[in-house]
Structures are given as C-alpha cells and as structure tokens.
Amino acid sequence: MRSVQQFYDTVGTHFSRTRSKTYEGGTQNWPVTDVYLKRLWESQSVLDVGCGNGRLVSGLPNGVKYTGFDFSKTLLAEAKKQFPGQRFLYGDVLDKSIWEKLGTYDAVFCVAVLHHIPERQQQVAMLKHIRKHLAPKGFLYLTVWNLWQEKYVQYHLGKKNWTQVPYLDRERFCVAFDVQSLTDVLSEAGWKIDELFYADYHGKKSDVMHGQNLVAVAR
C-alpha cells in the first residue's frame, strides 16, 4: 500500500485532471456509478472510501450528506479545491484510527480501491470495517478495475493474481480480481451480494473480455 500511496501523491494532480472529465450523465463518475448514486435521497448520508479527488460528489443528489477519506494528500487537496464545503478526511483504509472517526451511513461507495490492497486478510479487514459503518438498510457499492479485459491482461498473464499497471512513466500495484475472487472476499467479510457484474464504458452490463469494471452491490 505504501507504494500506491507514493504513486498517487506523486502523480495525483495529473491523475485528478484525467478524472475530471464529464461522462454521459453530466458528472465525473462512470455512468454505472451514477445509477447507484441516484438511489440516495435528501438527508441520507454516504461514505466515500478512498475518495481520491472527490469526483463522487459531482453525481450526488441534492441534500445528501457526504464524507470522503483518502491516504493521498495530493488527491485530497484536489478534492477540497474542486468541492469546497464537503467533508474530506485524511486516512488509510487499513488504519483503524480513521474508522474510529466515522459514524454510520446509508450507503458506502468504494470505487477503484480494493484492487490496490495486496493481501487477502487486508482486503477482508477493510470490508469488515465498512460493514460496521453501514446503516441496517444501507448498501455497499464497490468497483474494481477489470484487469482481464484485452488491454490489461497482457500485464498479468502468467503471474498469480497481481500486476503493475503503467501510468505515465510509473507503475501502480493492482490485484486482478474476477467474479469468483471478488465473491470470495466479500463473502468472507460477511457481505450478502445483491449484484455482481462487468460494466462497459457506458455503464451497461458486459463480459470479462470487454467490461471496464467489475461492480458489486452488497448488504
């Protein structure tokens, strides 16, 4: 995780600019993410785990209370610049102290975070923390990059389940999740999966060869 933190602290400003473009829904979020943000209504609350530059805020319905945290100071600075007035905290998902500062939320969004956590027990630990902070009728929306799609599979074929994905002149550590491995880690952490599917650029359900992200919705 330390190498991932250093990566985002170093390239965070450039990375944030690449994530500030708007998609079909008029927000900075992937279209599939906006579908689940629309489930929220005024006065509800959302926790953004590994919030990055805060782009989830761009798709929030009016009146939804937001809290986001991340371990990259560079990305948090970008988030505060883009979305002043929102609650952004500094913290590592694997550090118990950040979770002690948090309450309960009607939804937890964990977008493109889990695949950066190297060890299975660490992945399970984070998912257990999330469960403790989810309201009884709430839901978890989680995505990981689909590294089995054609443009990425070349980086990890022949390895166990991880790869180094290039960005500019650097690389970032990523775990190559598939449907079975994501099901296993969510189940081990005590989650009941409602939906699990690959999504393409437009947010439509796809397959392992063409989907950009693997999406899970759980309770």
C-alpha atoms as a PDB file:
ATOM      1  CA  MET A   1       0.000   0.000   0.000  1.00  0.00           C
ATOM      2  CA  ARG A   2       2.885   2.368   0.670  1.00  0.00           C
ATOM      3  CA  SER A   3       3.957   2.234  -2.983  1.00  0.00           C
ATOM      4  CA  VAL A   4       0.393   3.018  -4.094  1.00  0.00           C
ATOM      5  CA  GLN A   5       0.233   5.969  -1.702  1.00  0.00           C
ATOM      6  CA  GLN A   6       3.525   7.319  -3.041  1.00  0.00           C
ATOM      7  CA  PHE A   7       2.276   6.849  -6.595  1.00  0.00           C
ATOM      8  CA  TYR A   8      -0.862   8.958  -6.052  1.00  0.00           C
ATOM      9  CA  ASP A   9       0.973  11.596  -4.026  1.00  0.00           C
ATOM     10  CA  THR A  10       3.448  11.981  -6.896  1.00  0.00           C
ATOM     11  CA  VAL A  11       1.084  11.970  -9.898  1.00  0.00           C
ATOM     12  CA  GLY A  12      -2.129  12.978  -8.107  1.00  0.00           C
ATOM     13  CA  THR A  13      -2.502  16.398  -9.718  1.00  0.00           C
ATOM     14  CA  HIS A  14      -2.179  14.992 -13.234  1.00  0.00           C
ATOM     15  CA  PHE A  15      -4.317  11.972 -12.352  1.00  0.00           C
ATOM     16  CA  SER A  16      -7.052  14.227 -10.975  1.00  0.00           C
ATOM     17  CA  ARG A  17      -7.213  16.178 -14.228  1.00  0.00           C
ATOM     18  CA  THR A  18      -7.734  12.955 -16.174  1.00  0.00           C
ATOM     19  CA  ARG A  19     -10.604  12.071 -13.808  1.00  0.00           C
ATOM     20  CA  SER A  20     -12.310  15.471 -14.002  1.00  0.00           C
ATOM     21  CA  LYS A  21     -13.873  14.926 -17.418  1.00  0.00           C
ATOM     22  CA  THR A  22     -17.645  14.539 -17.574  1.00  0.00           C
ATOM     23  CA  TYR A  23     -19.389  11.389 -18.767  1.00  0.00           C
ATOM     24  CA  GLU A  24     -22.775  10.819 -20.374  1.00  0.00           C
ATOM     25  CA  GLY A  25     -24.678  11.662 -17.205  1.00  0.00           C
ATOM     26  CA  GLY A  26     -23.002  15.062 -16.930  1.00  0.00           C
ATOM     27  CA  THR A  27     -20.948  14.079 -13.865  1.00  0.00           C
ATOM     28  CA  GLN A  28     -17.352  12.961 -13.390  1.00  0.00           C
ATOM     29  CA  ASN A  29     -18.436   9.449 -12.392  1.00  0.00           C
ATOM     30  CA  TRP A  30     -18.611   6.355 -14.539  1.00  0.00           C
ATOM     31  CA  PRO A  31     -22.220   6.026 -15.776  1.00  0.00           C
ATOM     32  CA  VAL A  32     -22.718   2.815 -13.800  1.00  0.00           C
ATOM     33  CA  THR A  33     -21.769   4.628 -10.582  1.00  0.00           C
ATOM     34  CA  ASP A  34     -24.335   7.359 -11.176  1.00  0.00           C
ATOM     35  CA  VAL A  35     -27.072   4.720 -11.430  1.00  0.00           C
ATOM     36  CA  TYR A  36     -26.497   3.789  -7.787  1.00  0.00           C
ATOM     37  CA  LEU A  37     -25.949   7.333  -6.556  1.00  0.00           C
ATOM     38  CA  LYS A  38     -29.483   8.076  -7.767  1.00  0.00           C
ATOM     39  CA  ARG A  39     -30.789   5.602  -5.181  1.00  0.00           C
ATOM     40  CA  LEU A  40     -29.976   8.134  -2.490  1.00  0.00           C
ATOM     41  CA  TRP A  41     -32.309  10.923  -1.458  1.00  0.00           C
ATOM     42  CA  GLU A  42     -32.193  14.144   0.529  1.00  0.00           C
ATOM     43  CA  SER A  43     -30.996  13.857   4.147  1.00  0.00           C
ATOM     44  CA  GLN A  44     -29.373  10.473   3.568  1.00  0.00           C
ATOM     45  CA  SER A  45     -25.627  10.045   4.019  1.00  0.00           C
ATOM     46  CA  VAL A  46     -22.826   8.475   2.001  1.00  0.00           C
ATOM     47  CA  LEU A  47     -19.275   7.459   2.864  1.00  0.00           C
ATOM     48  CA  ASP A  48     -16.727   7.552   0.032  1.00  0.00           C
ATOM     49  CA  VAL A  49     -13.912   5.122   0.892  1.00  0.00           C
ATOM     50  CA  GLY A  50     -10.708   6.054  -0.936  1.00  0.00           C
ATOM     51  CA  CYS A  51     -12.344   9.185  -2.307  1.00  0.00           C
ATOM     52  CA  GLY A  52      -9.418  10.343  -4.449  1.00  0.00           C
ATOM     53  CA  ASN A  53     -10.180  13.762  -5.930  1.00  0.00           C
ATOM     54  CA  GLY A  54     -13.771  13.620  -4.666  1.00  0.00           C
ATOM     55  CA  ARG A  55     -15.405  13.134  -8.039  1.00  0.00           C
ATOM     56  CA  LEU A  56     -18.225  11.089  -6.483  1.00  0.00           C
ATOM     57  CA  VAL A  57     -19.601  14.414  -5.192  1.00  0.00           C
ATOM     58  CA  SER A  58     -20.327  15.522  -8.764  1.00  0.00           C
ATOM     59  CA  GLY A  59     -23.141  12.953  -9.017  1.00  0.00           C
ATOM     60  CA  LEU A  60     -24.691  13.259  -5.557  1.00  0.00           C
ATOM     61  CA  PRO A  61     -28.404  14.073  -5.376  1.00  0.00           C
ATOM     62  CA  ASN A  62     -29.184  17.355  -3.608  1.00  0.00           C
ATOM     63  CA  GLY A  63     -29.164  17.212   0.165  1.00  0.00           C
ATOM     64  CA  VAL A  64     -27.148  14.010   0.549  1.00  0.00           C
ATOM     65  CA  LYS A  65     -24.573  14.308   3.337  1.00  0.00           C
ATOM     66  CA  TYR A  66     -21.096  13.338   2.176  1.00  0.00           C
ATOM     67  CA  THR A  67     -17.912  12.166   3.894  1.00  0.00           C
ATOM     68  CA  GLY A  68     -14.859  11.036   1.963  1.00  0.00           C
ATOM     69  CA  PHE A  69     -11.391   9.948   3.020  1.00  0.00           C
ATOM     70  CA  ASP A  70      -8.161   9.034   1.272  1.00  0.00           C
ATOM     71  CA  PHE A  71      -4.485   8.448   2.072  1.00  0.00           C
ATOM     72  CA  SER A  72      -3.151  10.679  -0.709  1.00  0.00           C
ATOM     73  CA  LYS A  73      -2.655  14.260   0.461  1.00  0.00           C
ATOM     74  CA  THR A  74      -2.264  15.334  -3.150  1.00  0.00           C
ATOM     75  CA  LEU A  75      -5.633  13.914  -4.172  1.00  0.00           C
ATOM     76  CA  LEU A  76      -7.316  15.293  -1.054  1.00  0.00           C
ATOM     77  CA  ALA A  77      -6.014  18.765  -1.926  1.00  0.00           C
ATOM     78  CA  GLU A  78      -7.563  18.376  -5.376  1.00  0.00           C
ATOM     79  CA  ALA A  79     -10.841  17.218  -3.795  1.00  0.00           C
ATOM     80  CA  LYS A  80     -11.039  20.202  -1.454  1.00  0.00           C
ATOM     81  CA  LYS A  81     -10.257  22.544  -4.330  1.00  0.00           C
ATOM     82  CA  GLN A  82     -12.988  21.090  -6.550  1.00  0.00           C
ATOM     83  CA  PHE A  83     -15.645  20.609  -3.892  1.00  0.00           C
ATOM     84  CA  PRO A  84     -15.178  23.144  -1.096  1.00  0.00           C
ATOM     85  CA  GLY A  85     -17.522  22.689   1.834  1.00  0.00           C
ATOM     86  CA  GLN A  86     -17.614  18.908   1.630  1.00  0.00           C
ATOM     87  CA  ARG A  87     -16.159  16.758   4.411  1.00  0.00           C
ATOM     88  CA  PHE A  88     -12.834  15.230   3.374  1.00  0.00           C
ATOM     89  CA  LEU A  89     -10.588  13.378   5.837  1.00  0.00           C
ATOM     90  CA  TYR A  90      -7.061  12.050   5.638  1.00  0.00           C
ATOM     91  CA  GLY A  91      -6.747   8.349   6.404  1.00  0.00           C
ATOM     92  CA  ASP A  92      -5.643   4.922   5.228  1.00  0.00           C
ATOM     93  CA  VAL A  93      -8.343   2.256   4.797  1.00  0.00           C
ATOM     94  CA  LEU A  94      -6.111  -0.183   6.691  1.00  0.00           C
ATOM     95  CA  ASP A  95      -5.619   2.149   9.674  1.00  0.00           C
ATOM     96  CA  LYS A  96      -8.165   1.581  12.457  1.00  0.00           C
ATOM     97  CA  SER A  97      -7.870   5.184  13.634  1.00  0.00           C
ATOM     98  CA  ILE A  98      -9.686   6.599  10.583  1.00  0.00           C
ATOM     99  CA  TRP A  99     -12.633   4.272  11.113  1.00  0.00           C
ATOM    100  CA  GLU A 100     -12.953   5.417  14.717  1.00  0.00           C
ATOM    101  CA  LYS A 101     -13.759   8.920  13.442  1.00  0.00           C
ATOM    102  CA  LEU A 102     -16.686   7.740  11.334  1.00  0.00           C
ATOM    103  CA  GLY A 103     -20.347   7.174  12.087  1.00  0.00           C
ATOM    104  CA  THR A 104     -22.903   5.130  10.141  1.00  0.00           C
ATOM    105  CA  TYR A 105     -24.049   5.828   6.590  1.00  0.00           C
ATOM    106  CA  ASP A 106     -26.978   4.962   4.349  1.00  0.00           C
ATOM    107  CA  ALA A 107     -24.569   3.959   1.584  1.00  0.00           C
ATOM    108  CA  VAL A 108     -20.862   3.299   1.274  1.00  0.00           C
ATOM    109  CA  PHE A 109     -19.131   3.734  -2.075  1.00  0.00           C
ATOM    110  CA  CYS A 110     -15.724   2.128  -2.567  1.00  0.00           C
ATOM    111  CA  VAL A 111     -14.696   2.907  -6.137  1.00  0.00           C
ATOM    112  CA  ALA A 112     -11.418   1.534  -7.569  1.00  0.00           C
ATOM    113  CA  VAL A 113      -9.823   0.922  -4.170  1.00  0.00           C
ATOM    114  CA  LEU A 114      -9.931  -2.784  -3.291  1.00  0.00           C
ATOM    115  CA  HIS A 115      -7.653  -3.819  -6.165  1.00  0.00           C
ATOM    116  CA  HIS A 116      -4.837  -1.700  -4.673  1.00  0.00           C
ATOM    117  CA  ILE A 117      -4.827  -3.717  -1.431  1.00  0.00           C
ATOM    118  CA  PRO A 118      -2.298  -6.562  -1.779  1.00  0.00           C
ATOM    119  CA  GLU A 119      -3.143  -9.111   0.931  1.00  0.00           C
ATOM    120  CA  ARG A 120      -6.380 -11.087   1.250  1.00  0.00           C
ATOM    121  CA  GLN A 121      -6.589 -10.533   5.013  1.00  0.00           C
ATOM    122  CA  GLN A 122      -6.202  -6.778   4.482  1.00  0.00           C
ATOM    123  CA  GLN A 123      -8.969  -6.787   1.885  1.00  0.00           C
ATOM    124  CA  VAL A 124     -11.281  -8.642   4.267  1.00  0.00           C
ATOM    125  CA  ALA A 125     -10.371  -6.313   7.139  1.00  0.00           C
ATOM    126  CA  MET A 126     -11.341  -3.230   5.121  1.00  0.00           C
ATOM    127  CA  LEU A 127     -14.631  -4.790   4.043  1.00  0.00           C
ATOM    128  CA  LYS A 128     -15.426  -5.675   7.659  1.00  0.00           C
ATOM    129  CA  HIS A 129     -14.775  -2.091   8.709  1.00  0.00           C
ATOM    130  CA  ILE A 130     -17.221  -0.898   6.062  1.00  0.00           C
ATOM    131  CA  ARG A 131     -19.929  -3.242   7.355  1.00  0.00           C
ATOM    132  CA  LYS A 132     -19.661  -1.728  10.821  1.00  0.00           C
ATOM    133  CA  HIS A 133     -20.362   1.736   9.411  1.00  0.00           C
ATOM    134  CA  LEU A 134     -23.301   0.866   7.175  1.00  0.00           C
ATOM    135  CA  ALA A 135     -26.840   1.575   8.384  1.00  0.00           C
ATOM    136  CA  PRO A 136     -29.107  -1.513   8.686  1.00  0.00           C
ATOM    137  CA  LYS A 137     -30.954  -0.869   5.410  1.00  0.00           C
ATOM    138  CA  GLY A 138     -27.985   0.581   3.581  1.00  0.00           C
ATOM    139  CA  PHE A 139     -25.920  -0.783   0.706  1.00  0.00           C
ATOM    140  CA  LEU A 140     -22.313  -1.054  -0.410  1.00  0.00           C
ATOM    141  CA  TYR A 141     -21.371  -0.104  -3.966  1.00  0.00           C
ATOM    142  CA  LEU A 142     -17.906  -1.379  -4.842  1.00  0.00           C
ATOM    143  CA  THR A 143     -15.927  -1.491  -8.061  1.00  0.00           C
ATOM    144  CA  VAL A 144     -12.559  -2.889  -9.096  1.00  0.00           C
ATOM    145  CA  TRP A 145     -10.825  -2.476 -12.424  1.00  0.00           C
ATOM    146  CA  ASN A 146     -11.363  -5.381 -14.767  1.00  0.00           C
ATOM    147  CA  LEU A 147      -7.764  -6.343 -15.481  1.00  0.00           C
ATOM    148  CA  TRP A 148      -8.885  -9.326 -17.543  1.00  0.00           C
ATOM    149  CA  GLN A 149     -10.047  -7.118 -20.388  1.00  0.00           C
ATOM    150  CA  GLU A 150      -7.941  -7.190 -23.525  1.00  0.00           C
ATOM    151  CA  LYS A 151      -5.851  -4.064 -22.915  1.00  0.00           C
ATOM    152  CA  TYR A 152      -4.710  -5.129 -19.426  1.00  0.00           C
ATOM    153  CA  VAL A 153      -4.491  -8.911 -19.445  1.00  0.00           C
ATOM    154  CA  GLN A 154      -1.028  -8.739 -21.031  1.00  0.00           C
ATOM    155  CA  TYR A 155       0.353  -7.263 -17.809  1.00  0.00           C
ATOM    156  CA  HIS A 156      -0.508 -10.166 -15.518  1.00  0.00           C
ATOM    157  CA  LEU A 157      -0.795 -13.337 -17.589  1.00  0.00           C
ATOM    158  CA  GLY A 158       1.480 -15.927 -16.059  1.00  0.00           C
ATOM    159  CA  LYS A 159       1.548 -14.206 -12.679  1.00  0.00           C
ATOM    160  CA  LYS A 160      -0.583 -15.199  -9.697  1.00  0.00           C
ATOM    161  CA  ASN A 161      -3.247 -12.522  -9.342  1.00  0.00           C
ATOM    162  CA  TRP A 162      -1.486  -9.159  -9.439  1.00  0.00           C
ATOM    163  CA  THR A 163       0.157  -6.790 -11.880  1.00  0.00           C
ATOM    164  CA  GLN A 164       1.807  -3.387 -12.212  1.00  0.00           C
ATOM    165  CA  VAL A 165      -0.356  -1.152 -14.408  1.00  0.00           C
ATOM    166  CA  PRO A 166       1.641   1.604 -16.173  1.00  0.00           C
ATOM    167  CA  TYR A 167       0.696   5.272 -15.887  1.00  0.00           C
ATOM    168  CA  LEU A 168       2.910   7.948 -17.438  1.00  0.00           C
ATOM    169  CA  ASP A 169       6.451   6.778 -16.571  1.00  0.00           C
ATOM    170  CA  ARG A 170       5.363   4.957 -13.417  1.00  0.00           C
ATOM    171  CA  GLU A 171       3.519   1.808 -12.374  1.00  0.00           C
ATOM    172  CA  ARG A 172       0.870   1.082  -9.735  1.00  0.00           C
ATOM    173  CA  PHE A 173       0.208  -2.200  -7.978  1.00  0.00           C
ATOM    174  CA  CYS A 174      -3.166  -3.827  -8.758  1.00  0.00           C
ATOM    175  CA  VAL A 175      -4.820  -7.136  -7.911  1.00  0.00           C
ATOM    176  CA  ALA A 176      -6.589  -8.800 -10.847  1.00  0.00           C
ATOM    177  CA  PHE A 177      -9.994  -9.664  -9.416  1.00  0.00           C
ATOM    178  CA  ASP A 178     -12.560 -11.743 -11.282  1.00  0.00           C
ATOM    179  CA  VAL A 179     -16.132 -12.708 -10.363  1.00  0.00           C
ATOM    180  CA  GLN A 180     -15.089 -15.672  -8.217  1.00  0.00           C
ATOM    181  CA  SER A 181     -12.297 -13.962  -6.284  1.00  0.00           C
ATOM    182  CA  LEU A 182     -14.416 -10.877  -5.584  1.00  0.00           C
ATOM    183  CA  THR A 183     -17.307 -13.090  -4.461  1.00  0.00           C
ATOM    184  CA  ASP A 184     -14.976 -14.965  -2.130  1.00  0.00           C
ATOM    185  CA  VAL A 185     -13.525 -11.909  -0.409  1.00  0.00           C
ATOM    186  CA  LEU A 186     -16.914 -10.222   0.027  1.00  0.00           C
ATOM    187  CA  SER A 187     -18.424 -13.403   1.426  1.00  0.00           C
ATOM    188  CA  GLU A 188     -15.541 -13.910   3.833  1.00  0.00           C
ATOM    189  CA  ALA A 189     -16.120 -10.397   5.166  1.00  0.00           C
ATOM    190  CA  GLY A 190     -19.782 -11.229   5.797  1.00  0.00           C
ATOM    191  CA  TRP A 191     -21.443  -9.460   2.885  1.00  0.00           C
ATOM    192  CA  LYS A 192     -24.528 -10.672   1.024  1.00  0.00           C
ATOM    193  CA  ILE A 193     -24.113  -9.863  -2.667  1.00  0.00           C
ATOM    194  CA  ASP A 194     -27.150  -8.427  -4.451  1.00  0.00           C
ATOM    195  CA  GLU A 195     -25.492  -7.776  -7.811  1.00  0.00           C
ATOM    196  CA  LEU A 196     -22.146  -8.651  -9.358  1.00  0.00           C
ATOM    197  CA  PHE A 197     -21.411  -7.837 -12.993  1.00  0.00           C
ATOM    198  CA  TYR A 198     -18.949  -6.407 -15.502  1.00  0.00           C
ATOM    199  CA  ALA A 199     -19.813  -2.932 -16.803  1.00  0.00           C
ATOM    200  CA  ASP A 200     -18.638  -1.281 -20.007  1.00  0.00           C
ATOM    201  CA  TYR A 201     -17.754   2.391 -20.608  1.00  0.00           C
ATOM    202  CA  HIS A 202     -21.431   3.299 -20.964  1.00  0.00           C
ATOM    203  CA  GLY A 203     -22.413   1.582 -17.731  1.00  0.00           C
ATOM    204  CA  LYS A 204     -24.130  -1.348 -19.408  1.00  0.00           C
ATOM    205  CA  LYS A 205     -23.586  -4.939 -18.333  1.00  0.00           C
ATOM    206  CA  SER A 206     -20.817  -6.613 -20.292  1.00  0.00           C
ATOM    207  CA  ASP A 207     -18.465  -9.590 -20.074  1.00  0.00           C
ATOM    208  CA  VAL A 208     -14.978 -10.282 -18.794  1.00  0.00           C
ATOM    209  CA  MET A 209     -13.317  -9.504 -22.119  1.00  0.00           C
ATOM    210  CA  HIS A 210     -14.996  -6.150 -22.681  1.00  0.00           C
ATOM    211  CA  GLY A 211     -16.132  -4.783 -19.325  1.00  0.00           C
ATOM    212  CA  GLN A 212     -14.044  -1.936 -17.901  1.00  0.00           C
ATOM    213  CA  ASN A 213     -15.051  -2.506 -14.311  1.00  0.00           C
ATOM    214  CA  LEU A 214     -16.311  -5.311 -12.099  1.00  0.00           C
ATOM    215  CA  VAL A 215     -19.181  -3.976  -9.999  1.00  0.00           C
ATOM    216  CA  ALA A 216     -20.592  -5.381  -6.758  1.00  0.00           C
ATOM    217  CA  VAL A 217     -23.615  -4.218  -4.786  1.00  0.00           C
ATOM    218  CA  ALA A 218     -23.924  -5.841  -1.387  1.00  0.00           C
ATOM    219  CA  ARG A 219     -25.582  -5.604   2.040  1.00  0.00           C
END
